[in-house]
Protein backbone atom coordinates (compact mmCIF):
# COMPACT_ATOMS: atom_id res chain seq x y z
CA MET A 1 0.00 0.00 0.00
CA ASN A 2 1.52 3.37 -1.03
CA SER A 3 0.32 6.93 -0.55
CA ARG A 4 0.79 10.32 -2.19
CA LYS A 5 -0.52 13.85 -1.84
CA ILE A 6 -2.45 15.49 -4.67
CA ARG A 7 -3.55 19.03 -3.78
CA ASP A 8 -5.41 18.69 -0.45
CA LEU A 9 -6.06 14.99 -0.92
CA THR A 10 -4.25 12.00 0.51
CA VAL A 11 -4.38 9.24 -2.09
CA ILE A 12 -3.69 5.68 -0.87
CA LYS A 13 -3.48 2.87 -3.41
CA ILE A 14 -5.07 -0.19 -1.82
CA ASP A 15 -4.40 -2.63 -4.68
CA ASN A 16 -4.57 -2.79 -8.47
CA GLU A 17 -8.34 -2.31 -8.33
CA LYS A 18 -9.07 0.33 -5.69
CA THR A 19 -7.74 3.53 -4.14
CA MET A 20 -8.63 5.28 -0.88
CA ILE A 21 -9.13 9.07 -0.90
CA ILE A 22 -8.91 11.14 2.31
CA ALA A 23 -9.73 14.83 2.75
CA CYS A 24 -10.09 16.98 5.85
CA ASP A 25 -11.10 20.48 6.85
CA SER A 26 -11.36 22.54 10.02
CA CYS A 27 -13.34 25.53 11.19
CA GLY A 28 -12.74 27.81 14.18
CA SER A 29 -14.55 30.80 15.67
CA ALA A 30 -17.66 30.39 13.52
CA GLY A 31 -20.70 29.79 15.69
CA MET A 32 -22.76 31.40 18.43
CA LYS A 33 -20.34 31.26 21.36
CA GLU A 34 -19.01 34.30 23.18
CA TYR A 35 -15.68 34.59 21.36
CA ASP A 36 -16.81 33.46 17.92
CA ILE A 37 -15.84 36.02 15.25
CA LEU A 38 -18.43 34.95 12.67
CA LYS A 39 -21.81 34.69 14.37
CA VAL A 40 -23.67 31.88 12.65
CA PRO A 41 -25.86 29.03 13.98
CA PRO A 42 -23.65 25.95 14.60
CA PHE A 43 -25.93 24.02 12.22
CA PHE A 44 -24.24 25.93 9.37
CA THR A 45 -20.79 25.46 10.91
CA GLY A 46 -21.29 21.71 10.50
CA LYS A 47 -22.97 21.97 7.12
CA PHE A 48 -20.36 24.14 5.40
CA THR A 49 -17.30 22.54 7.01
CA VAL A 50 -18.21 19.02 5.94
CA ARG A 51 -19.10 20.37 2.48
CA VAL A 52 -15.46 21.28 1.79
CA ALA A 53 -14.08 17.79 2.44
CA VAL A 54 -17.08 16.07 0.80
CA MET A 55 -16.55 18.11 -2.37
CA GLU A 56 -12.86 17.21 -2.43
CA VAL A 57 -13.52 13.47 -2.20
CA LEU A 58 -16.46 13.45 -4.62
CA CYS A 59 -14.48 15.39 -7.23
CA SER A 60 -11.84 12.65 -7.21
CA GLY A 61 -14.50 10.20 -8.37
CA ALA A 62 -14.65 8.35 -5.06
CA LYS A 63 -17.68 7.08 -3.17
CA ILE A 64 -17.72 8.35 0.41
CA ILE A 65 -17.74 5.57 3.02
CA ALA A 66 -16.96 7.40 6.30
CA ILE A 67 -16.99 10.86 7.89
CA THR A 68 -15.54 11.85 11.26
CA ASN A 69 -16.48 15.01 13.14
CA CYS A 70 -14.25 16.26 15.95
CA VAL A 71 -16.38 18.83 17.74
CA CYS A 72 -14.26 20.95 20.09
CA ASN A 73 -17.35 21.83 22.14
CA GLU A 74 -20.01 20.21 24.32
CA MET A 75 -22.60 17.87 22.78
CA ASN A 76 -25.57 19.82 24.20
CA ASN A 77 -26.31 21.93 22.33
CA THR A 78 -23.45 22.96 20.06
CA GLY A 79 -22.46 19.43 19.06
CA LEU A 80 -26.02 18.38 18.34
CA GLU A 81 -26.58 21.34 16.04
CA ILE A 82 -23.27 20.82 14.24
CA ILE A 83 -24.10 17.14 13.63
CA LYS A 84 -27.56 18.12 12.33
CA GLY A 85 -25.84 20.41 9.84
CA ILE A 86 -23.46 17.65 8.77
CA LYS A 87 -26.33 15.23 8.22
CA ASP A 88 -28.26 17.84 6.24
CA GLU A 89 -25.30 18.37 3.88
CA LEU A 90 -24.82 14.61 3.44
CA LEU A 91 -28.49 14.30 2.55
CA GLU A 92 -28.11 17.10 0.00
CA ALA A 93 -25.12 15.29 -1.51
CA ASP A 94 -27.14 12.04 -1.65
CA ILE A 95 -24.70 10.28 0.68
CA ASN A 96 -26.85 7.74 2.50
CA ASN A 97 -24.75 4.77 3.57
CA ALA A 98 -21.56 6.35 4.89
CA VAL A 99 -20.54 5.87 8.52
CA LEU A 100 -20.65 9.07 10.59
CA THR A 101 -18.68 9.09 13.83
CA GLY A 102 -16.98 11.66 16.04
CA SER A 103 -16.18 13.13 19.43
CA THR A 104 -17.04 16.15 21.59
CA GLU A 105 -15.38 18.11 24.41
CA GLU A 106 -17.10 17.36 27.73
CA ASN A 107 -14.32 18.20 30.18
CA PHE A 108 -13.95 21.94 29.75
CA LYS A 109 -16.20 24.88 29.02
CA THR A 110 -15.41 26.33 25.59
CA LEU A 111 -15.79 29.98 24.60
CA SER A 112 -15.52 29.61 20.80
CA THR A 113 -16.72 27.00 18.32
CA GLY A 114 -14.28 24.52 16.78
CA LEU A 115 -14.75 21.63 14.37
CA GLY A 116 -12.51 19.20 12.47
CA ILE A 117 -13.82 16.99 9.67
CA THR A 118 -12.29 14.00 7.88
CA VAL A 119 -13.96 12.35 4.87
CA ILE A 120 -12.86 8.98 3.48
CA GLY A 121 -13.81 7.55 0.10
CA ILE A 122 -13.03 4.54 -2.09
CA VAL A 123 -12.74 4.63 -5.87
CA GLU A 124 -12.03 2.02 -8.52
CA ASN A 125 -8.73 2.97 -10.15
CA LYS A 126 -10.31 3.13 -13.61
CA ASN A 127 -12.74 5.80 -12.35
CA LEU A 128 -10.19 7.97 -10.54
CA LYS A 129 -10.48 11.58 -11.80
CA LEU A 130 -7.05 12.85 -10.83
CA ASN A 131 -4.31 14.00 -13.22
CA LYS A 132 -6.51 13.39 -16.27
CA SER A 133 -6.10 16.81 -17.92
CA LYS A 134 -4.46 17.27 -21.32
CA VAL A 135 -2.71 19.98 -23.33
CA GLY A 136 -5.29 22.27 -24.92
CA ASN A 137 -8.00 21.65 -22.31
CA ALA A 138 -9.93 24.72 -21.23
CA ILE A 139 -10.19 25.59 -17.55
CA ILE A 140 -13.59 26.90 -16.48
CA SER A 141 -15.05 27.92 -13.14
CA VAL A 142 -18.61 27.14 -12.07
CA GLY A 143 -20.19 29.11 -9.23
CA LEU A 144 -19.23 32.43 -7.65
CA PRO A 145 -16.61 32.85 -4.91
CA LYS A 146 -18.28 33.68 -1.60
CA VAL A 147 -17.26 33.55 2.03
CA GLY A 148 -18.83 34.19 5.43
CA ASN A 149 -21.86 36.46 5.44
CA GLU A 150 -21.85 36.69 1.63
CA ILE A 151 -23.46 33.25 1.45
CA ASN A 152 -27.25 33.14 1.58
CA LEU A 153 -27.84 30.54 4.29
CA SER A 154 -31.37 29.64 3.20
CA PHE A 155 -30.65 29.14 -0.53
CA ASP A 156 -27.93 30.47 -2.81
CA ASN A 157 -28.15 29.65 -6.51
CA GLU A 158 -24.79 31.33 -7.17
CA VAL A 159 -23.00 28.56 -5.26
CA ILE A 160 -22.04 25.28 -6.96
CA ASP A 161 -24.40 22.49 -5.90
CA TYR A 162 -24.29 18.70 -6.07
CA LYS A 163 -26.78 18.46 -8.94
CA ILE A 164 -24.48 20.48 -11.20
CA LEU A 165 -21.49 18.48 -9.97
CA LYS A 166 -23.29 15.27 -10.93
CA LYS A 167 -24.07 16.66 -14.41
CA LEU A 168 -20.40 17.48 -14.94
CA PHE A 169 -19.37 13.95 -13.97
CA GLU A 170 -21.72 12.54 -16.59
CA LEU A 171 -20.02 14.47 -19.41
CA GLU A 172 -17.25 12.59 -21.18
CA TYR A 173 -15.52 15.84 -22.20
CA VAL A 174 -15.02 16.92 -18.56
CA TYR A 175 -11.66 15.44 -17.54
CA GLU A 176 -11.00 16.76 -14.05
CA ILE A 177 -12.92 18.71 -11.39
CA VAL A 178 -11.41 20.58 -8.43
CA PRO A 179 -13.26 22.42 -5.64
CA VAL A 180 -12.03 25.95 -4.85
CA GLY A 181 -11.63 27.09 -1.26
CA SER A 182 -9.90 29.91 0.57
CA LYS A 183 -6.93 30.17 -1.83
CA GLY A 184 -9.06 31.20 -4.79
CA ILE A 185 -9.64 30.15 -8.39
CA LEU A 186 -6.22 31.11 -9.78
CA TYR A 187 -4.32 29.12 -7.15
CA GLU A 188 -6.37 25.97 -7.76
CA ALA A 189 -6.16 26.33 -11.54
CA GLU A 190 -2.38 26.73 -11.44
CA THR A 191 -2.11 23.77 -9.06
CA LEU A 192 -4.24 21.62 -11.37
CA ALA A 193 -1.95 22.53 -14.27
CA LYS A 194 1.19 21.78 -12.22
CA THR A 195 -0.02 18.35 -11.07
CA ASN A 196 -0.54 17.47 -14.74
CA ASN A 197 2.97 18.75 -15.65
CA LEU A 198 1.41 21.60 -17.62
CA LYS A 199 1.05 25.38 -17.31
CA LEU A 200 -2.00 27.63 -17.16
CA LYS A 201 -2.41 30.31 -19.80
CA LEU A 202 -4.99 32.85 -18.66
CA ILE A 203 -7.57 34.19 -21.08
CA ARG A 204 -8.44 37.89 -20.77
CA PRO A 205 -10.76 39.41 -19.84
CA ILE A 206 -11.84 37.12 -17.00
CA ASN A 207 -15.27 38.02 -15.68
CA ILE A 208 -14.75 36.71 -12.15
CA ASP A 209 -12.42 37.47 -9.24
CA ILE A 210 -9.82 34.69 -9.53
CA TYR A 211 -8.03 35.76 -6.34
CA LYS A 212 -10.99 35.83 -3.94
CA SER A 213 -11.65 33.12 -1.37
CA ALA A 214 -14.42 30.74 -2.32
CA GLY A 215 -15.01 29.90 1.35
CA PRO A 216 -16.72 26.51 1.77
CA SER A 217 -16.13 25.41 -1.84
CA THR A 218 -18.71 27.72 -3.42
CA VAL A 219 -16.85 27.30 -6.74
CA ILE A 220 -15.38 24.40 -8.69
CA ILE A 221 -12.97 24.54 -11.58
CA ALA A 222 -13.00 21.95 -14.34
CA SER A 223 -10.67 20.87 -17.10
CA VAL A 224 -12.80 20.37 -20.22
CA LYS A 225 -12.48 19.85 -23.97
CA SER A 226 -11.99 23.33 -25.37
CA ASP A 227 -14.61 23.10 -28.11
CA ARG A 228 -17.34 22.17 -25.61
CA VAL A 229 -17.04 25.15 -23.26
CA LYS A 230 -20.04 26.94 -24.82
CA ASP A 231 -22.24 23.94 -24.01
CA LEU A 232 -21.47 24.38 -20.32
CA TYR A 233 -22.63 28.00 -20.11
CA LEU A 234 -26.16 26.61 -19.78
CA LEU A 235 -25.25 25.51 -16.23
CA GLY A 236 -25.09 29.15 -15.10
CA ASN A 237 -22.27 31.10 -13.40
CA VAL A 238 -19.70 29.54 -15.76
CA ASN A 239 -16.56 31.53 -16.61
CA LEU A 240 -13.65 30.69 -18.89
CA ILE A 241 -10.35 31.03 -16.98
CA GLY A 242 -7.68 29.80 -19.37
CA THR A 243 -6.15 26.91 -21.25
CA LEU A 244 -3.54 24.28 -20.41
CA VAL A 245 -0.27 24.52 -22.34
């Protein structure tokens, strides 16, 4: 069994048939406790934190089998609300059979909210969507970069959702998909190019802020066949970023 790092993923080859994919994320000072900087119900702390790691694993082509939540707060009521948020996001992602386990802090009173998430998936090697990009592929973004209070908590159609992600996976001319987080679109696009031993050539003008944080993966980038980009504009909030050279 050997392992390697690709972007934020740990990739562990189990055998000639299957690979394990592991992603994690953490969140601090976002909740309703006294010293929290971003005041938000802990339900959304759980929901948006697990979303980041779930997106990472799904975009690799893997099926999620387990999720851990390390809640750095008491179970009642912060932990309960965080876990409700996690379960709500898993339901939205149509993840029904994965094991959900975790831990809470019951020894000490906490003054700010903290959460760590790990997501584990398994993928057949033939279906692994990592390092599949080619010279001449176009790089597009789908969704708008948002963070913190910019996100509409009830419903935000400017944020990438799982239905669109599923549609992209079904298209044979979409080679690779990467979720964008706090480092922004440009960073992830350049990293995608680098992991494929290629370079990113930007196309101007770009009608989106490629430097801005996309918070809890409100944007994905995709490597696609260049002559099919126009077909993808129907998805909404699609922008052409560049090409791979």
